[in-house]
Amino acid sequence: MAISNFVITIVGLGAVAYLMKSDIRGSSAMLRRNLKHIRGWMEEQGAAAECVVLAGGRFGEHRLKGWWSSFAALIQGGG
């Protein structure tokens, strides 16, 4: 009886280790994909910011001006 409990415990631990190994591989692959996407987004934003700086403006300034003029028109009753 003790030997069968020992064998069942070893098989159970082996199964858990096997499942964790595949889970860790999947998680690390997902993390690498996510980091690749984030790196791409950061490079795109950096390139966009560089273009705006080279053009003589500030990054995001056109969005702020558009938002502010819409807000000011709304406050003044311009619709």
N, C-alpha and C. Protein backbone atom coordinates (compact mmCIF):
# COMPACT_ATOMS: atom_id res chain seq x y z
N MET A 1 0.83 -1.20 0.00
CA MET A 1 0.00 0.00 0.00
C MET A 1 0.87 1.26 0.00
N ALA A 2 1.90 1.27 0.79
CA ALA A 2 2.77 2.44 0.85
C ALA A 2 3.49 2.67 -0.46
N ILE A 3 3.89 1.58 -1.11
CA ILE A 3 4.62 1.72 -2.37
C ILE A 3 3.68 2.27 -3.46
N SER A 4 2.41 1.86 -3.46
CA SER A 4 1.48 2.36 -4.47
C SER A 4 1.18 3.86 -4.24
N ASN A 5 1.08 4.27 -2.99
CA ASN A 5 0.89 5.70 -2.69
C ASN A 5 2.11 6.50 -3.14
N PHE A 6 3.28 5.96 -2.96
CA PHE A 6 4.51 6.62 -3.37
C PHE A 6 4.54 6.76 -4.90
N VAL A 7 4.19 5.70 -5.61
CA VAL A 7 4.19 5.73 -7.07
C VAL A 7 3.15 6.72 -7.59
N ILE A 8 1.96 6.72 -6.99
CA ILE A 8 0.91 7.66 -7.41
C ILE A 8 1.36 9.10 -7.15
N THR A 9 2.02 9.34 -6.02
CA THR A 9 2.52 10.68 -5.71
C THR A 9 3.57 11.12 -6.72
N ILE A 10 4.49 10.22 -7.07
CA ILE A 10 5.54 10.55 -8.05
C ILE A 10 4.92 10.83 -9.42
N VAL A 11 3.96 10.03 -9.83
CA VAL A 11 3.30 10.25 -11.12
C VAL A 11 2.54 11.58 -11.11
N GLY A 12 1.87 11.89 -10.01
CA GLY A 12 1.15 13.15 -9.88
C GLY A 12 2.09 14.35 -9.96
N LEU A 13 3.20 14.27 -9.25
CA LEU A 13 4.18 15.36 -9.30
C LEU A 13 4.79 15.50 -10.69
N GLY A 14 5.03 14.38 -11.35
CA GLY A 14 5.56 14.43 -12.72
C GLY A 14 4.57 15.09 -13.67
N ALA A 15 3.28 14.76 -13.51
CA ALA A 15 2.25 15.37 -14.37
C ALA A 15 2.17 16.87 -14.13
N VAL A 16 2.22 17.28 -12.88
CA VAL A 16 2.18 18.72 -12.56
C VAL A 16 3.39 19.43 -13.14
N ALA A 17 4.57 18.83 -13.01
CA ALA A 17 5.79 19.43 -13.56
C ALA A 17 5.70 19.55 -15.08
N TYR A 18 5.16 18.51 -15.73
CA TYR A 18 5.02 18.54 -17.18
C TYR A 18 4.06 19.65 -17.62
N LEU A 19 2.93 19.77 -16.93
CA LEU A 19 1.95 20.80 -17.27
C LEU A 19 2.51 22.20 -17.01
N MET A 20 3.26 22.36 -15.93
CA MET A 20 3.84 23.68 -15.62
C MET A 20 4.88 24.06 -16.66
N LYS A 21 5.63 23.08 -17.16
CA LYS A 21 6.65 23.37 -18.15
C LYS A 21 6.02 23.92 -19.43
N SER A 22 4.93 23.30 -19.88
CA SER A 22 4.27 23.79 -21.09
C SER A 22 3.60 25.14 -20.83
N ASP A 23 3.08 25.34 -19.62
CA ASP A 23 2.46 26.61 -19.27
C ASP A 23 3.49 27.73 -19.25
N ILE A 24 4.66 27.45 -18.72
CA ILE A 24 5.73 28.46 -18.68
C ILE A 24 6.20 28.80 -20.08
N ARG A 25 6.31 27.77 -20.93
CA ARG A 25 6.73 28.03 -22.32
C ARG A 25 5.70 28.90 -23.03
N GLY A 26 4.43 28.59 -22.84
CA GLY A 26 3.38 29.39 -23.48
C GLY A 26 3.36 30.82 -22.96
N SER A 27 3.55 30.98 -21.66
CA SER A 27 3.56 32.33 -21.07
C SER A 27 4.74 33.14 -21.56
N SER A 28 5.90 32.51 -21.65
CA SER A 28 7.08 33.25 -22.11
C SER A 28 6.95 33.61 -23.59
N ALA A 29 6.34 32.73 -24.39
CA ALA A 29 6.12 33.06 -25.81
C ALA A 29 5.15 34.23 -25.93
N MET A 30 4.10 34.23 -25.11
CA MET A 30 3.14 35.33 -25.13
C MET A 30 3.80 36.64 -24.69
N LEU A 31 4.64 36.57 -23.68
CA LEU A 31 5.35 37.76 -23.22
C LEU A 31 6.26 38.30 -24.31
N ARG A 32 6.97 37.42 -25.02
CA ARG A 32 7.83 37.89 -26.11
C ARG A 32 7.02 38.56 -27.21
N ARG A 33 5.86 37.99 -27.56
CA ARG A 33 5.00 38.61 -28.58
C ARG A 33 4.52 39.98 -28.12
N ASN A 34 4.09 40.07 -26.87
CA ASN A 34 3.61 41.35 -26.35
C ASN A 34 4.71 42.39 -26.33
N LEU A 35 5.91 41.99 -25.93
CA LEU A 35 7.02 42.94 -25.91
C LEU A 35 7.38 43.40 -27.32
N LYS A 36 7.26 42.51 -28.30
CA LYS A 36 7.54 42.89 -29.68
C LYS A 36 6.53 43.92 -30.15
N HIS A 37 5.24 43.74 -29.82
CA HIS A 37 4.22 44.71 -30.19
C HIS A 37 4.45 46.04 -29.50
N ILE A 38 4.76 46.01 -28.22
CA ILE A 38 4.99 47.24 -27.46
C ILE A 38 6.20 47.98 -28.02
N ARG A 39 7.25 47.25 -28.36
CA ARG A 39 8.45 47.87 -28.94
C ARG A 39 8.09 48.55 -30.26
N GLY A 40 7.26 47.89 -31.07
CA GLY A 40 6.83 48.49 -32.34
C GLY A 40 6.03 49.76 -32.11
N TRP A 41 5.12 49.73 -31.13
CA TRP A 41 4.34 50.92 -30.82
C TRP A 41 5.24 52.07 -30.35
N MET A 42 6.22 51.73 -29.51
CA MET A 42 7.12 52.77 -29.01
C MET A 42 7.94 53.37 -30.15
N GLU A 43 8.38 52.54 -31.08
CA GLU A 43 9.14 53.06 -32.22
C GLU A 43 8.27 53.93 -33.11
N GLU A 44 7.01 53.54 -33.30
CA GLU A 44 6.10 54.37 -34.10
C GLU A 44 5.87 55.73 -33.44
N GLN A 45 5.64 55.73 -32.14
CA GLN A 45 5.41 56.99 -31.43
C GLN A 45 6.67 57.85 -31.43
N GLY A 46 7.83 57.21 -31.30
CA GLY A 46 9.08 57.96 -31.35
C GLY A 46 9.30 58.60 -32.70
N ALA A 47 8.97 57.86 -33.77
CA ALA A 47 9.12 58.41 -35.12
C ALA A 47 8.13 59.55 -35.34
N ALA A 48 6.90 59.39 -34.83
CA ALA A 48 5.91 60.46 -34.97
C ALA A 48 6.34 61.70 -34.20
N ALA A 49 6.86 61.50 -33.01
CA ALA A 49 7.31 62.64 -32.20
C ALA A 49 8.49 63.34 -32.87
N GLU A 50 9.38 62.56 -33.46
CA GLU A 50 10.53 63.15 -34.14
C GLU A 50 10.08 63.98 -35.34
N CYS A 51 9.09 63.50 -36.08
CA CYS A 51 8.58 64.26 -37.23
C CYS A 51 7.96 65.57 -36.77
N VAL A 52 7.23 65.53 -35.67
CA VAL A 52 6.58 66.75 -35.17
C VAL A 52 7.64 67.73 -34.69
N VAL A 53 8.66 67.24 -34.00
CA VAL A 53 9.73 68.12 -33.50
C VAL A 53 10.48 68.73 -34.68
N LEU A 54 10.76 67.93 -35.70
CA LEU A 54 11.47 68.47 -36.87
C LEU A 54 10.62 69.49 -37.62
N ALA A 55 9.30 69.36 -37.52
CA ALA A 55 8.41 70.32 -38.17
C ALA A 55 8.25 71.60 -37.35
N GLY A 56 8.76 71.60 -36.11
CA GLY A 56 8.73 72.79 -35.30
C GLY A 56 7.58 72.86 -34.33
N GLY A 57 6.84 71.81 -34.17
CA GLY A 57 5.71 71.82 -33.24
C GLY A 57 6.00 70.93 -32.04
N ARG A 58 4.99 70.83 -31.19
CA ARG A 58 5.11 69.94 -30.04
C ARG A 58 4.23 68.72 -30.28
N PHE A 59 4.67 67.59 -29.77
CA PHE A 59 3.96 66.33 -29.97
C PHE A 59 2.59 66.39 -29.32
N GLY A 60 1.55 66.11 -30.08
CA GLY A 60 0.20 66.10 -29.56
C GLY A 60 -0.46 67.46 -29.53
N GLU A 61 0.23 68.50 -29.98
CA GLU A 61 -0.31 69.86 -29.91
C GLU A 61 -1.55 70.02 -30.80
N HIS A 62 -1.55 69.39 -31.97
CA HIS A 62 -2.69 69.52 -32.87
C HIS A 62 -3.94 68.89 -32.25
N ARG A 63 -3.78 67.82 -31.50
CA ARG A 63 -4.92 67.21 -30.83
C ARG A 63 -5.47 68.13 -29.74
N LEU A 64 -4.57 68.73 -28.99
CA LEU A 64 -4.97 69.61 -27.91
C LEU A 64 -5.69 70.84 -28.45
N LYS A 65 -5.18 71.42 -29.52
CA LYS A 65 -5.82 72.60 -30.10
C LYS A 65 -7.22 72.26 -30.60
N GLY A 66 -7.36 71.13 -31.26
CA GLY A 66 -8.67 70.72 -31.76
C GLY A 66 -9.65 70.49 -30.63
N TRP A 67 -9.20 69.86 -29.57
CA TRP A 67 -10.06 69.59 -28.43
C TRP A 67 -10.45 70.89 -27.74
N TRP A 68 -9.49 71.80 -27.56
CA TRP A 68 -9.75 73.03 -26.84
C TRP A 68 -10.71 73.92 -27.61
N SER A 69 -10.54 74.00 -28.92
CA SER A 69 -11.44 74.86 -29.71
C SER A 69 -12.86 74.30 -29.69
N SER A 70 -13.00 72.98 -29.71
CA SER A 70 -14.34 72.38 -29.62
C SER A 70 -14.96 72.67 -28.26
N PHE A 71 -14.16 72.58 -27.21
CA PHE A 71 -14.64 72.83 -25.87
C PHE A 71 -15.03 74.30 -25.70
N ALA A 72 -14.21 75.21 -26.21
CA ALA A 72 -14.50 76.65 -26.10
C ALA A 72 -15.78 76.99 -26.87
N ALA A 73 -15.98 76.39 -28.04
CA ALA A 73 -17.18 76.66 -28.80
C ALA A 73 -18.41 76.14 -28.06
N LEU A 74 -18.29 75.03 -27.40
CA LEU A 74 -19.40 74.47 -26.64
C LEU A 74 -19.76 75.38 -25.47
N ILE A 75 -18.76 75.92 -24.78
CA ILE A 75 -19.01 76.80 -23.64
C ILE A 75 -19.66 78.10 -24.10
N GLN A 76 -19.22 78.63 -25.23
CA GLN A 76 -19.76 79.90 -25.72
C GLN A 76 -21.12 79.73 -26.39
N GLY A 77 -21.59 78.51 -26.49
CA GLY A 77 -22.91 78.27 -27.07
C GLY A 77 -22.87 78.15 -28.58
N GLY A 78 -21.69 77.98 -29.11
CA GLY A 78 -21.56 77.87 -30.56
C GLY A 78 -21.90 76.50 -31.09
N GLY A 79 -22.19 75.55 -30.22
CA GLY A 79 -22.64 74.24 -30.66
C GLY A 79 -21.57 73.29 -30.79
